[in-house]
Amino acid sequence: MGIIGTILIGFVVGLVARFLKPGKDAMGWIMTIVLGIGGSLLATYAGQALGWYQPGETAGFIGAVVGAIILLVLWALVSKKK
């Protein structure tokens, strides 16, 4: 998949994750793309570490969304204002 396809899929995954996670997530569309791509990478490497995916096999759409939601929760914890 080319870079444009990766960006588009990352954007869609990021939007779905932001929709499914309750609460306010103030971030722009670039951070949404980064969130989606990062969620996909997290799901791929975690799935390979747990034996769910073989090396060279990527996570599916649902796995990428779950990974993106995990990143959103971590982002909320780290960026929480005191």
PDB file of N, CA and C in Angstrom:
ATOM      1  N   MET A   1       0.853  -1.162   0.000  1.00  0.00           N
ATOM      2  CA  MET A   1       0.000   0.000   0.000  1.00  0.00           C
ATOM      3  C   MET A   1       0.906   1.235   0.000  1.00  0.00           C
ATOM      4  N   GLY A   2       0.537   2.199  -0.757  1.00  0.00           N
ATOM      5  CA  GLY A   2       1.317   3.420  -0.854  1.00  0.00           C
ATOM      6  C   GLY A   2       1.100   4.330   0.335  1.00  0.00           C
ATOM      7  N   ILE A   3       1.857   5.388   0.368  1.00  0.00           N
ATOM      8  CA  ILE A   3       1.784   6.338   1.486  1.00  0.00           C
ATOM      9  C   ILE A   3       0.421   7.025   1.555  1.00  0.00           C
ATOM     10  N   ILE A   4      -0.178   7.319   0.401  1.00  0.00           N
ATOM     11  CA  ILE A   4      -1.502   7.959   0.389  1.00  0.00           C
ATOM     12  C   ILE A   4      -2.548   7.016   0.974  1.00  0.00           C
ATOM     13  N   GLY A   5      -2.486   5.754   0.617  1.00  0.00           N
ATOM     14  CA  GLY A   5      -3.418   4.765   1.165  1.00  0.00           C
ATOM     15  C   GLY A   5      -3.257   4.613   2.665  1.00  0.00           C
ATOM     16  N   THR A   6      -2.009   4.608   3.134  1.00  0.00           N
ATOM     17  CA  THR A   6      -1.745   4.506   4.560  1.00  0.00           C
ATOM     18  C   THR A   6      -2.322   5.704   5.303  1.00  0.00           C
ATOM     19  N   ILE A   7      -2.163   6.891   4.744  1.00  0.00           N
ATOM     20  CA  ILE A   7      -2.700   8.097   5.368  1.00  0.00           C
ATOM     21  C   ILE A   7      -4.223   8.059   5.409  1.00  0.00           C
ATOM     22  N   LEU A   8      -4.851   7.626   4.320  1.00  0.00           N
ATOM     23  CA  LEU A   8      -6.317   7.555   4.289  1.00  0.00           C
ATOM     24  C   LEU A   8      -6.856   6.543   5.284  1.00  0.00           C
ATOM     25  N   ILE A   9      -6.253   5.370   5.334  1.00  0.00           N
ATOM     26  CA  ILE A   9      -6.692   4.344   6.292  1.00  0.00           C
ATOM     27  C   ILE A   9      -6.442   4.839   7.722  1.00  0.00           C
ATOM     28  N   GLY A  10      -5.302   5.474   7.960  1.00  0.00           N
ATOM     29  CA  GLY A  10      -5.013   6.023   9.283  1.00  0.00           C
ATOM     30  C   GLY A  10      -6.043   7.062   9.702  1.00  0.00           C
ATOM     31  N   PHE A  11      -6.462   7.894   8.763  1.00  0.00           N
ATOM     32  CA  PHE A  11      -7.472   8.907   9.057  1.00  0.00           C
ATOM     33  C   PHE A  11      -8.804   8.259   9.430  1.00  0.00           C
ATOM     34  N   VAL A  12      -9.213   7.263   8.674  1.00  0.00           N
ATOM     35  CA  VAL A  12     -10.487   6.585   8.955  1.00  0.00           C
ATOM     36  C   VAL A  12     -10.426   5.868  10.300  1.00  0.00           C
ATOM     37  N   VAL A  13      -9.332   5.165  10.558  1.00  0.00           N
ATOM     38  CA  VAL A  13      -9.181   4.457  11.833  1.00  0.00           C
ATOM     39  C   VAL A  13      -9.181   5.454  12.991  1.00  0.00           C
ATOM     40  N   GLY A  14      -8.473   6.571  12.837  1.00  0.00           N
ATOM     41  CA  GLY A  14      -8.452   7.595  13.876  1.00  0.00           C
ATOM     42  C   GLY A  14      -9.828   8.183  14.141  1.00  0.00           C
ATOM     43  N   LEU A  15     -10.587   8.441  13.077  1.00  0.00           N
ATOM     44  CA  LEU A  15     -11.945   8.974  13.248  1.00  0.00           C
ATOM     45  C   LEU A  15     -12.844   7.988  13.978  1.00  0.00           C
ATOM     46  N   VAL A  16     -12.775   6.722  13.603  1.00  0.00           N
ATOM     47  CA  VAL A  16     -13.607   5.701  14.254  1.00  0.00           C
ATOM     48  C   VAL A  16     -13.223   5.584  15.732  1.00  0.00           C
ATOM     49  N   ALA A  17     -11.923   5.582  16.027  1.00  0.00           N
ATOM     50  CA  ALA A  17     -11.480   5.470  17.416  1.00  0.00           C
ATOM     51  C   ALA A  17     -11.946   6.666  18.235  1.00  0.00           C
ATOM     52  N   ARG A  18     -11.842   7.872  17.668  1.00  0.00           N
ATOM     53  CA  ARG A  18     -12.297   9.057  18.392  1.00  0.00           C
ATOM     54  C   ARG A  18     -13.806   9.038  18.590  1.00  0.00           C
ATOM     55  N   PHE A  19     -14.545   8.462  17.654  1.00  0.00           N
ATOM     56  CA  PHE A  19     -15.998   8.360  17.780  1.00  0.00           C
ATOM     57  C   PHE A  19     -16.377   7.362  18.872  1.00  0.00           C
ATOM     58  N   LEU A  20     -15.653   6.241  18.961  1.00  0.00           N
ATOM     59  CA  LEU A  20     -16.010   5.183  19.898  1.00  0.00           C
ATOM     60  C   LEU A  20     -15.578   5.481  21.331  1.00  0.00           C
ATOM     61  N   LYS A  21     -14.501   6.223  21.512  1.00  0.00           N
ATOM     62  CA  LYS A  21     -14.032   6.531  22.864  1.00  0.00           C
ATOM     63  C   LYS A  21     -14.811   7.717  23.402  1.00  0.00           C
ATOM     64  N   PRO A  22     -15.449   7.544  24.558  1.00  0.00           N
ATOM     65  CA  PRO A  22     -16.205   8.659  25.122  1.00  0.00           C
ATOM     66  C   PRO A  22     -15.273   9.756  25.629  1.00  0.00           C
ATOM     67  N   GLY A  23     -15.786  10.959  25.673  1.00  0.00           N
ATOM     68  CA  GLY A  23     -15.015  12.097  26.158  1.00  0.00           C
ATOM     69  C   GLY A  23     -14.556  12.976  25.018  1.00  0.00           C
ATOM     70  N   LYS A  24     -14.011  14.119  25.403  1.00  0.00           N
ATOM     71  CA  LYS A  24     -13.564  15.086  24.411  1.00  0.00           C
ATOM     72  C   LYS A  24     -12.095  14.841  24.089  1.00  0.00           C
ATOM     73  N   ASP A  25     -11.798  14.719  22.812  1.00  0.00           N
ATOM     74  CA  ASP A  25     -10.430  14.538  22.336  1.00  0.00           C
ATOM     75  C   ASP A  25     -10.130  15.667  21.367  1.00  0.00           C
ATOM     76  N   ALA A  26      -9.582  16.743  21.888  1.00  0.00           N
ATOM     77  CA  ALA A  26      -9.300  17.904  21.051  1.00  0.00           C
ATOM     78  C   ALA A  26      -7.976  17.695  20.319  1.00  0.00           C
ATOM     79  N   MET A  27      -8.067  17.374  19.038  1.00  0.00           N
ATOM     80  CA  MET A  27      -6.882  17.232  18.203  1.00  0.00           C
ATOM     81  C   MET A  27      -7.294  17.465  16.762  1.00  0.00           C
ATOM     82  N   GLY A  28      -6.355  17.893  15.965  1.00  0.00           N
ATOM     83  CA  GLY A  28      -6.618  18.178  14.557  1.00  0.00           C
ATOM     84  C   GLY A  28      -6.590  16.924  13.700  1.00  0.00           C
ATOM     85  N   TRP A  29      -6.755  17.128  12.410  1.00  0.00           N
ATOM     86  CA  TRP A  29      -6.815  15.980  11.506  1.00  0.00           C
ATOM     87  C   TRP A  29      -5.458  15.316  11.332  1.00  0.00           C
ATOM     88  N   ILE A  30      -4.358  16.060  11.473  1.00  0.00           N
ATOM     89  CA  ILE A  30      -3.034  15.428  11.359  1.00  0.00           C
ATOM     90  C   ILE A  30      -2.802  14.487  12.536  1.00  0.00           C
ATOM     91  N   MET A  31      -3.159  14.917  13.738  1.00  0.00           N
ATOM     92  CA  MET A  31      -3.021  14.036  14.903  1.00  0.00           C
ATOM     93  C   MET A  31      -3.968  12.847  14.813  1.00  0.00           C
ATOM     94  N   THR A  32      -5.123  13.021  14.180  1.00  0.00           N
ATOM     95  CA  THR A  32      -6.042  11.914  13.976  1.00  0.00           C
ATOM     96  C   THR A  32      -5.411  10.869  13.051  1.00  0.00           C
ATOM     97  N   ILE A  33      -4.734  11.324  11.999  1.00  0.00           N
ATOM     98  CA  ILE A  33      -4.043  10.408  11.092  1.00  0.00           C
ATOM     99  C   ILE A  33      -2.920   9.679  11.822  1.00  0.00           C
ATOM    100  N   VAL A  34      -2.131  10.429  12.596  1.00  0.00           N
ATOM    101  CA  VAL A  34      -1.033   9.823  13.351  1.00  0.00           C
ATOM    102  C   VAL A  34      -1.579   8.808  14.351  1.00  0.00           C
ATOM    103  N   LEU A  35      -2.694   9.145  14.985  1.00  0.00           N
ATOM    104  CA  LEU A  35      -3.340   8.229  15.921  1.00  0.00           C
ATOM    105  C   LEU A  35      -3.747   6.930  15.225  1.00  0.00           C
ATOM    106  N   GLY A  36      -4.360   7.034  14.063  1.00  0.00           N
ATOM    107  CA  GLY A  36      -4.788   5.839  13.336  1.00  0.00           C
ATOM    108  C   GLY A  36      -3.626   4.978  12.883  1.00  0.00           C
ATOM    109  N   ILE A  37      -2.589   5.594  12.356  1.00  0.00           N
ATOM    110  CA  ILE A  37      -1.412   4.839  11.915  1.00  0.00           C
ATOM    111  C   ILE A  37      -0.713   4.215  13.124  1.00  0.00           C
ATOM    112  N   GLY A  38      -0.592   4.971  14.201  1.00  0.00           N
ATOM    113  CA  GLY A  38       0.020   4.434  15.420  1.00  0.00           C
ATOM    114  C   GLY A  38      -0.779   3.289  16.014  1.00  0.00           C
ATOM    115  N   GLY A  39      -2.097   3.396  15.977  1.00  0.00           N
ATOM    116  CA  GLY A  39      -2.949   2.305  16.468  1.00  0.00           C
ATOM    117  C   GLY A  39      -2.772   1.043  15.652  1.00  0.00           C
ATOM    118  N   SER A  40      -2.632   1.193  14.362  1.00  0.00           N
ATOM    119  CA  SER A  40      -2.401   0.044  13.499  1.00  0.00           C
ATOM    120  C   SER A  40      -1.057  -0.611  13.802  1.00  0.00           C
ATOM    121  N   LEU A  41      -0.031   0.211  13.986  1.00  0.00           N
ATOM    122  CA  LEU A  41       1.288  -0.329  14.321  1.00  0.00           C
ATOM    123  C   LEU A  41       1.278  -1.019  15.682  1.00  0.00           C
ATOM    124  N   LEU A  42       0.613  -0.390  16.662  1.00  0.00           N
ATOM    125  CA  LEU A  42       0.509  -0.990  17.991  1.00  0.00           C
ATOM    126  C   LEU A  42      -0.187  -2.344  17.928  1.00  0.00           C
ATOM    127  N   ALA A  43      -1.301  -2.410  17.213  1.00  0.00           N
ATOM    128  CA  ALA A  43      -2.043  -3.666  17.104  1.00  0.00           C
ATOM    129  C   ALA A  43      -1.229  -4.732  16.369  1.00  0.00           C
ATOM    130  N   THR A  44      -0.492  -4.330  15.339  1.00  0.00           N
ATOM    131  CA  THR A  44       0.312  -5.287  14.588  1.00  0.00           C
ATOM    132  C   THR A  44       1.411  -5.886  15.457  1.00  0.00           C
ATOM    133  N   TYR A  45       2.193  -5.031  16.124  1.00  0.00           N
ATOM    134  CA  TYR A  45       3.312  -5.536  16.915  1.00  0.00           C
ATOM    135  C   TYR A  45       2.855  -6.259  18.177  1.00  0.00           C
ATOM    136  N   ALA A  46       1.788  -5.787  18.809  1.00  0.00           N
ATOM    137  CA  ALA A  46       1.257  -6.482  19.984  1.00  0.00           C
ATOM    138  C   ALA A  46       0.682  -7.840  19.573  1.00  0.00           C
ATOM    139  N   GLY A  47      -0.005  -7.876  18.438  1.00  0.00           N
ATOM    140  CA  GLY A  47      -0.553  -9.138  17.948  1.00  0.00           C
ATOM    141  C   GLY A  47       0.527 -10.134  17.580  1.00  0.00           C
ATOM    142  N   GLN A  48       1.626  -9.666  17.014  1.00  0.00           N
ATOM    143  CA  GLN A  48       2.738 -10.558  16.692  1.00  0.00           C
ATOM    144  C   GLN A  48       3.415 -11.056  17.962  1.00  0.00           C
ATOM    145  N   ALA A  49       3.536 -10.188  18.975  1.00  0.00           N
ATOM    146  CA  ALA A  49       4.149 -10.586  20.238  1.00  0.00           C
ATOM    147  C   ALA A  49       3.298 -11.630  20.969  1.00  0.00           C
ATOM    148  N   LEU A  50       1.985 -11.523  20.833  1.00  0.00           N
ATOM    149  CA  LEU A  50       1.080 -12.470  21.486  1.00  0.00           C
ATOM    150  C   LEU A  50       0.808 -13.717  20.643  1.00  0.00           C
ATOM    151  N   GLY A  51       1.331 -13.744  19.421  1.00  0.00           N
ATOM    152  CA  GLY A  51       1.148 -14.900  18.555  1.00  0.00           C
ATOM    153  C   GLY A  51      -0.135 -14.889  17.750  1.00  0.00           C
ATOM    154  N   TRP A  52      -0.842 -13.760  17.713  1.00  0.00           N
ATOM    155  CA  TRP A  52      -2.085 -13.666  16.948  1.00  0.00           C
ATOM    156  C   TRP A  52      -1.817 -13.495  15.464  1.00  0.00           C
ATOM    157  N   TYR A  53      -0.724 -12.808  15.133  1.00  0.00           N
ATOM    158  CA  TYR A  53      -0.348 -12.562  13.747  1.00  0.00           C
ATOM    159  C   TYR A  53       1.029 -13.139  13.499  1.00  0.00           C
ATOM    160  N   GLN A  54       1.260 -13.597  12.287  1.00  0.00           N
ATOM    161  CA  GLN A  54       2.576 -14.080  11.887  1.00  0.00           C
ATOM    162  C   GLN A  54       3.446 -12.886  11.493  1.00  0.00           C
ATOM    163  N   PRO A  55       4.770 -13.035  11.558  1.00  0.00           N
ATOM    164  CA  PRO A  55       5.639 -11.949  11.085  1.00  0.00           C
ATOM    165  C   PRO A  55       5.323 -11.596   9.630  1.00  0.00           C
ATOM    166  N   GLY A  56       5.225 -10.316   9.355  1.00  0.00           N
ATOM    167  CA  GLY A  56       4.877  -9.845   8.020  1.00  0.00           C
ATOM    168  C   GLY A  56       3.385  -9.667   7.807  1.00  0.00           C
ATOM    169  N   GLU A  57       2.584 -10.152   8.723  1.00  0.00           N
ATOM    170  CA  GLU A  57       1.124 -10.020   8.640  1.00  0.00           C
ATOM    171  C   GLU A  57       0.706  -8.796   9.465  1.00  0.00           C
ATOM    172  N   THR A  58      -0.191  -7.982   8.913  1.00  0.00           N
ATOM    173  CA  THR A  58      -0.613  -6.777   9.620  1.00  0.00           C
ATOM    174  C   THR A  58      -1.954  -6.985  10.306  1.00  0.00           C
ATOM    175  N   ALA A  59      -2.235  -6.109  11.249  1.00  0.00           N
ATOM    176  CA  ALA A  59      -3.514  -6.154  11.966  1.00  0.00           C
ATOM    177  C   ALA A  59      -4.637  -5.722  11.036  1.00  0.00           C
ATOM    178  N   GLY A  60      -5.813  -6.207  11.305  1.00  0.00           N
ATOM    179  CA  GLY A  60      -6.977  -5.820  10.526  1.00  0.00           C
ATOM    180  C   GLY A  60      -7.538  -4.488  11.003  1.00  0.00           C
ATOM    181  N   PHE A  61      -8.636  -4.104  10.414  1.00  0.00           N
ATOM    182  CA  PHE A  61      -9.247  -2.808  10.715  1.00  0.00           C
ATOM    183  C   PHE A  61      -9.674  -2.726  12.179  1.00  0.00           C
ATOM    184  N   ILE A  62     -10.307  -3.766  12.690  1.00  0.00           N
ATOM    185  CA  ILE A  62     -10.786  -3.753  14.078  1.00  0.00           C
ATOM    186  C   ILE A  62      -9.605  -3.690  15.045  1.00  0.00           C
ATOM    187  N   GLY A  63      -8.551  -4.439  14.760  1.00  0.00           N
ATOM    188  CA  GLY A  63      -7.351  -4.382  15.594  1.00  0.00           C
ATOM    189  C   GLY A  63      -6.734  -3.005  15.595  1.00  0.00           C
ATOM    190  N   ALA A  64      -6.712  -2.357  14.434  1.00  0.00           N
ATOM    191  CA  ALA A  64      -6.159  -1.008  14.341  1.00  0.00           C
ATOM    192  C   ALA A  64      -6.991  -0.024  15.150  1.00  0.00           C
ATOM    193  N   VAL A  65      -8.304  -0.171  15.119  1.00  0.00           N
ATOM    194  CA  VAL A  65      -9.182   0.720  15.900  1.00  0.00           C
ATOM    195  C   VAL A  65      -8.958   0.501  17.392  1.00  0.00           C
ATOM    196  N   VAL A  66      -8.839  -0.752  17.815  1.00  0.00           N
ATOM    197  CA  VAL A  66      -8.578  -1.042  19.231  1.00  0.00           C
ATOM    198  C   VAL A  66      -7.234  -0.446  19.650  1.00  0.00           C
ATOM    199  N   GLY A  67      -6.213  -0.600  18.808  1.00  0.00           N
ATOM    200  CA  GLY A  67      -4.914  -0.001  19.100  1.00  0.00           C
ATOM    201  C   GLY A  67      -4.993   1.508  19.197  1.00  0.00           C
ATOM    202  N   ALA A  68      -5.773   2.136  18.317  1.00  0.00           N
ATOM    203  CA  ALA A  68      -5.930   3.587  18.347  1.00  0.00           C
ATOM    204  C   ALA A  68      -6.673   4.041  19.598  1.00  0.00           C
ATOM    205  N   ILE A  69      -7.654   3.277  20.044  1.00  0.00           N
ATOM    206  CA  ILE A  69      -8.371   3.620  21.281  1.00  0.00           C
ATOM    207  C   ILE A  69      -7.427   3.531  22.471  1.00  0.00           C
ATOM    208  N   ILE A  70      -6.572   2.514  22.489  1.00  0.00           N
ATOM    209  CA  ILE A  70      -5.580   2.391  23.564  1.00  0.00           C
ATOM    210  C   ILE A  70      -4.658   3.609  23.570  1.00  0.00           C
ATOM    211  N   LEU A  71      -4.221   4.029  22.377  1.00  0.00           N
ATOM    212  CA  LEU A  71      -3.376   5.221  22.296  1.00  0.00           C
ATOM    213  C   LEU A  71      -4.118   6.476  22.750  1.00  0.00           C
ATOM    214  N   LEU A  72      -5.400   6.567  22.433  1.00  0.00           N
ATOM    215  CA  LEU A  72      -6.200   7.717  22.888  1.00  0.00           C
ATOM    216  C   LEU A  72      -6.283   7.768  24.406  1.00  0.00           C
ATOM    217  N   VAL A  73      -6.494   6.635  25.033  1.00  0.00           N
ATOM    218  CA  VAL A  73      -6.569   6.581  26.496  1.00  0.00           C
ATOM    219  C   VAL A  73      -5.227   6.979  27.102  1.00  0.00           C
ATOM    220  N   LEU A  74      -4.137   6.453  26.541  1.00  0.00           N
ATOM    221  CA  LEU A  74      -2.810   6.815  27.033  1.00  0.00           C
ATOM    222  C   LEU A  74      -2.538   8.301  26.831  1.00  0.00           C
ATOM    223  N   TRP A  75      -2.943   8.847  25.683  1.00  0.00           N
ATOM    224  CA  TRP A  75      -2.762  10.275  25.403  1.00  0.00           C
ATOM    225  C   TRP A  75      -3.523  11.125  26.427  1.00  0.00           C
ATOM    226  N   ALA A  76      -4.733  10.698  26.766  1.00  0.00           N
ATOM    227  CA  ALA A  76      -5.537  11.435  27.750  1.00  0.00           C
ATOM    228  C   ALA A  76      -4.880  11.418  29.115  1.00  0.00           C
ATOM    229  N   LEU A  77      -4.269  10.296  29.483  1.00  0.00           N
ATOM    230  CA  LEU A  77      -3.606  10.197  30.774  1.00  0.00           C
ATOM    231  C   LEU A  77      -2.344  11.072  30.824  1.00  0.00           C
ATOM    232  N   VAL A  78      -1.591  11.079  29.745  1.00  0.00           N
ATOM    233  CA  VAL A  78      -0.345  11.833  29.711  1.00  0.00           C
ATOM    234  C   VAL A  78      -0.593  13.331  29.615  1.00  0.00           C
ATOM    235  N   SER A  79      -1.572  13.729  28.811  1.00  0.00           N
ATOM    236  CA  SER A  79      -1.802  15.148  28.585  1.00  0.00           C
ATOM    237  C   SER A  79      -2.812  15.771  29.532  1.00  0.00           C
ATOM    238  N   LYS A  80      -3.194  15.049  30.545  1.00  0.00           N
ATOM    239  CA  LYS A  80      -4.190  15.558  31.502  1.00  0.00           C
ATOM    240  C   LYS A  80      -3.626  16.778  32.224  1.00  0.00           C
ATOM    241  N   LYS A  81      -4.392  17.846  32.227  1.00  0.00           N
ATOM    242  CA  LYS A  81      -3.965  19.072  32.899  1.00  0.00           C
ATOM    243  C   LYS A  81      -4.198  18.949  34.390  1.00  0.00           C
ATOM    244  N   LYS A  82      -3.263  19.468  35.146  1.00  0.00           N
ATOM    245  CA  LYS A  82      -3.343  19.344  36.608  1.00  0.00           C
ATOM    246  C   LYS A  82      -3.984  20.543  37.235  1.00  0.00           C
TER     247      LYS A  82
END
